[in-house]
Amino acid sequence: MGGFQPGVTGTRSDRHDFIKTLSGACQKTDWRVHAFCLMKNHYHLL
């Protein structure tokens, strides 16, 4: 894997799009996200 990891959320717009996409996925699948931590190169969902 090495030291280079491309960013998941580089800009404010990227973060907004990620959350919007996650929200849509939750609605379609009946998932519930209790908490999340969104970082530049990865994220955590509970």
N, C-alpha and C. Protein backbone atom coordinates (compact mmCIF):
# COMPACT_ATOMS: atom_id res chain seq x y z
N MET A 1 0.81 -1.17 0.00
CA MET A 1 0.00 0.00 0.00
C MET A 1 0.86 1.25 0.00
N GLY A 2 1.95 1.26 0.72
CA GLY A 2 2.86 2.39 0.69
C GLY A 2 2.36 3.57 1.50
N GLY A 3 3.10 4.67 1.40
CA GLY A 3 2.78 5.85 2.18
C GLY A 3 1.78 6.77 1.51
N PHE A 4 1.57 6.61 0.21
CA PHE A 4 0.65 7.52 -0.49
C PHE A 4 -0.77 7.02 -0.41
N GLN A 5 -1.65 7.85 0.10
CA GLN A 5 -3.06 7.52 0.13
C GLN A 5 -3.82 8.72 -0.42
N PRO A 6 -4.48 8.55 -1.54
CA PRO A 6 -5.22 9.68 -2.10
C PRO A 6 -6.34 10.13 -1.17
N GLY A 7 -6.65 11.40 -1.22
CA GLY A 7 -7.66 11.95 -0.34
C GLY A 7 -9.07 11.52 -0.71
N VAL A 8 -9.87 11.29 0.30
CA VAL A 8 -11.29 10.98 0.10
C VAL A 8 -12.06 12.28 0.04
N THR A 9 -11.71 13.21 0.90
CA THR A 9 -12.44 14.47 1.00
C THR A 9 -11.45 15.63 1.01
N GLY A 10 -11.16 16.15 -0.15
CA GLY A 10 -10.17 17.22 -0.24
C GLY A 10 -10.73 18.60 0.04
N THR A 11 -11.90 18.90 -0.48
CA THR A 11 -12.45 20.25 -0.34
C THR A 11 -13.75 20.22 0.45
N ARG A 12 -14.21 21.38 0.80
CA ARG A 12 -15.49 21.48 1.51
C ARG A 12 -16.62 20.89 0.65
N SER A 13 -16.56 21.14 -0.65
CA SER A 13 -17.55 20.58 -1.57
C SER A 13 -17.49 19.05 -1.59
N ASP A 14 -16.26 18.49 -1.56
CA ASP A 14 -16.10 17.03 -1.51
C ASP A 14 -16.75 16.46 -0.25
N ARG A 15 -16.53 17.13 0.88
CA ARG A 15 -17.11 16.65 2.15
C ARG A 15 -18.64 16.72 2.09
N HIS A 16 -19.16 17.78 1.54
CA HIS A 16 -20.61 17.93 1.41
C HIS A 16 -21.17 16.82 0.52
N ASP A 17 -20.51 16.55 -0.60
CA ASP A 17 -20.96 15.50 -1.52
C ASP A 17 -20.90 14.13 -0.86
N PHE A 18 -19.86 13.87 -0.07
CA PHE A 18 -19.73 12.60 0.63
C PHE A 18 -20.91 12.40 1.58
N ILE A 19 -21.21 13.42 2.38
CA ILE A 19 -22.29 13.32 3.35
C ILE A 19 -23.64 13.17 2.64
N LYS A 20 -23.81 13.88 1.55
CA LYS A 20 -25.05 13.77 0.77
C LYS A 20 -25.20 12.35 0.20
N THR A 21 -24.12 11.80 -0.32
CA THR A 21 -24.14 10.44 -0.86
C THR A 21 -24.40 9.41 0.25
N LEU A 22 -23.75 9.59 1.39
CA LEU A 22 -23.98 8.70 2.53
C LEU A 22 -25.43 8.76 2.98
N SER A 23 -25.98 9.94 3.03
CA SER A 23 -27.38 10.10 3.41
C SER A 23 -28.31 9.36 2.45
N GLY A 24 -28.04 9.49 1.15
CA GLY A 24 -28.86 8.78 0.15
C GLY A 24 -28.75 7.28 0.30
N ALA A 25 -27.53 6.79 0.56
CA ALA A 25 -27.34 5.35 0.74
C ALA A 25 -28.09 4.86 1.97
N CYS A 26 -28.08 5.65 3.04
CA CYS A 26 -28.79 5.26 4.26
C CYS A 26 -30.29 5.20 4.02
N GLN A 27 -30.82 6.14 3.27
CA GLN A 27 -32.25 6.14 2.98
C GLN A 27 -32.65 4.94 2.12
N LYS A 28 -31.83 4.58 1.16
CA LYS A 28 -32.14 3.46 0.26
C LYS A 28 -32.03 2.11 0.95
N THR A 29 -31.13 2.00 1.92
CA THR A 29 -30.85 0.70 2.53
C THR A 29 -31.38 0.56 3.95
N ASP A 30 -32.00 1.62 4.47
CA ASP A 30 -32.50 1.64 5.84
C ASP A 30 -31.37 1.51 6.86
N TRP A 31 -30.18 1.96 6.50
CA TRP A 31 -29.05 2.02 7.44
C TRP A 31 -29.27 3.20 8.37
N ARG A 32 -28.63 3.11 9.54
CA ARG A 32 -28.59 4.25 10.46
C ARG A 32 -27.14 4.50 10.84
N VAL A 33 -26.69 5.70 10.65
CA VAL A 33 -25.34 6.09 11.07
C VAL A 33 -25.49 6.85 12.37
N HIS A 34 -24.91 6.32 13.42
CA HIS A 34 -25.02 6.94 14.75
C HIS A 34 -23.96 8.01 14.96
N ALA A 35 -22.83 7.82 14.30
CA ALA A 35 -21.74 8.79 14.38
C ALA A 35 -20.81 8.56 13.21
N PHE A 36 -20.11 9.61 12.82
CA PHE A 36 -19.10 9.44 11.78
C PHE A 36 -17.95 10.40 12.03
N CYS A 37 -16.81 10.03 11.51
CA CYS A 37 -15.62 10.87 11.57
C CYS A 37 -15.05 10.91 10.16
N LEU A 38 -15.07 12.06 9.57
CA LEU A 38 -14.67 12.24 8.17
C LEU A 38 -13.33 12.95 8.15
N MET A 39 -12.30 12.25 7.67
CA MET A 39 -10.96 12.81 7.60
C MET A 39 -10.55 12.97 6.13
N LYS A 40 -9.38 13.52 5.90
CA LYS A 40 -8.97 13.80 4.52
C LYS A 40 -8.73 12.54 3.70
N ASN A 41 -8.26 11.46 4.33
CA ASN A 41 -7.94 10.27 3.53
C ASN A 41 -8.73 9.02 3.92
N HIS A 42 -9.62 9.13 4.88
CA HIS A 42 -10.49 8.00 5.22
C HIS A 42 -11.62 8.47 6.13
N TYR A 43 -12.51 7.56 6.48
CA TYR A 43 -13.63 7.90 7.34
C TYR A 43 -13.99 6.71 8.21
N HIS A 44 -14.71 7.00 9.28
CA HIS A 44 -15.22 5.97 10.19
C HIS A 44 -16.71 6.19 10.33
N LEU A 45 -17.46 5.09 10.31
CA LEU A 45 -18.91 5.14 10.50
C LEU A 45 -19.29 4.20 11.65
N LEU A 46 -20.19 4.64 12.47
CA LEU A 46 -20.76 3.78 13.52
C LEU A 46 -22.25 3.70 13.32
